Amino acid sequence: MAKSNTRKASKRKTNFPATQVVGGVGNDESQHGSKDDNVTVSEPGEMRIDSSVTPNQKDEDGSPLLLRDCSNLYTTVATYRCATSDHCVPCAYKIGCFDVALDQEFTRTVPNCRPEQCPRTKERQNFPSACHNHAILGYQRGMSVLTLGDGDLTFSLAIARIVLKGQGTEHGQGKVIASSYESLETLRGVYPKIDETINELRALGAQVHYEVDATRIIETIPGIEDEHFHRIAWNFPCTAAPSGQDGQNEAMDSNKELVRKFVANAQSLLCNDCGEISMCHKTKPPYNQWQLETVALERCANKMRYLGRIVLDKTILPPYTPRKALDKKSFACHDACIFVFGMDATTKLTDGGTSVFSSTIPSKCEDKSGILENSVISPDQHDMAIIPVGPAMLKQLRNLHLNERELTKSKQKNRNAHRNEVNRFSGGFQSQKRLKRF
């Protein structure tokens, strides 16, 4: 059975054999495998072994040859602008997923910071209202949305604030059905603010259901069989593991089967013209070995297709905080992406009509040729616009933050030199005064 969307973060070192991936879990960069491993980018995973390339090897412009796999990878303009204009280190890591096993220079010179250090954190609570006329990560007012496995229901609340606030659009009234795998009693015993969250959800007009199995939606949510949704979301799907090491290699087959069952079960509840399923998950090993891009579609009879993955920026979705399963603690997820699956073109409207809501990832974004070759984003482009991530963007972020850190060090060195000079002058002056006294 499916469990809550949140999971236990691994604290165990994982030893990857030579035929598997290298890297770390969570934010602990010290667990990234041997420095002797040879790694290269490969689809659909993030990094794979290749004897022809060595870690930290650089190309002609000094950038590492081993950058993040950019295939079908996207980010919001807001995250990109924060990483560049505001020199935000957490946002740079969200986009670049910089790894100590691949780029020691960057990770040592510009170490990652806690996500709370993002300059947009203080504005987080007011964010949805500032963008209410635009889609936010594919969610818009008037949509019908089903969320599954939402541990403390904060993701559902973030979506409800987007979809249900300011009702009355040309698309009609929106709907949000929020659900958790756990019982209400269990949630109250784990999450101190759960009642506050539920009360706001209901005040916005959302429905809340408990003990819902994401692989048996119709059986566990009464009356839902006649509903159709524009979006169905399940974040960090994972089977329960008594040891708290869920998501590891030992449970990979059961987790893949969980994903297959979920998508096969959920697709019948999607709107035929613009329905999408999204799953947010970490992308560093061992999670990249799940191969969500392909596994999710294995039982869909060619009715759906993989659209791409968007860098998770939880600053955009207040008050959402990914949490461990049945634990109020959060977990590191700077490498997480939202994997988006949509109805295949052959199953959409056949009468020449158009979709009510646009796709989360616009079709114009699918051609990434030359993206950011000149490092230019139009000033009037909205913060919530989805843009492709390419090697040029990753190199730009890397160089920008390395130069910024070197400039900071240089300024600090000059300040220290000036301070020493002042102290030396002041000390000499004081000595002269003492001599005059005698």
Foldseek 3Di string as FASTA:
>chain_A
DWAAQFAFFDPDQDEDDLFAAFADTFQPLVNGYDLAFAWAQDPPAFIGGDPVGHAQDADPVNHFRHWTPQAQEWEFLQLLCLCFVVVQQLSLCLQGVDHCSRHVPLCVLRPHDPLCPRPLLVVLVVQLVVQLVDAFLQAHALFEEEEESHQLCFLLLLNLCNHQPPHDDPNHHYEYEYEHLADPVLSVVADVCSVVSVVSCVVSPYHYYYNAQLLPRPVRDDPLLPAAGLEYERENIWDDDPVRHIPAPVCLVVSLVSLCSNLLRCVSRHDQARHKYKYKDARTPPNSVSVSQPSNCPNVVLQKHWNGKYRDDCSNRPPDARPHHSHPHGTGRSRMIMTMMTTDPVRHDPPPDHDPGAYSQHPVQNDCPPPCVVPDDDPPDDRSDMHRDDPSSSVVSSVSSSVVSVVVVVVVVVVVVVVVVVVVVVVVVVVVVVVVVD
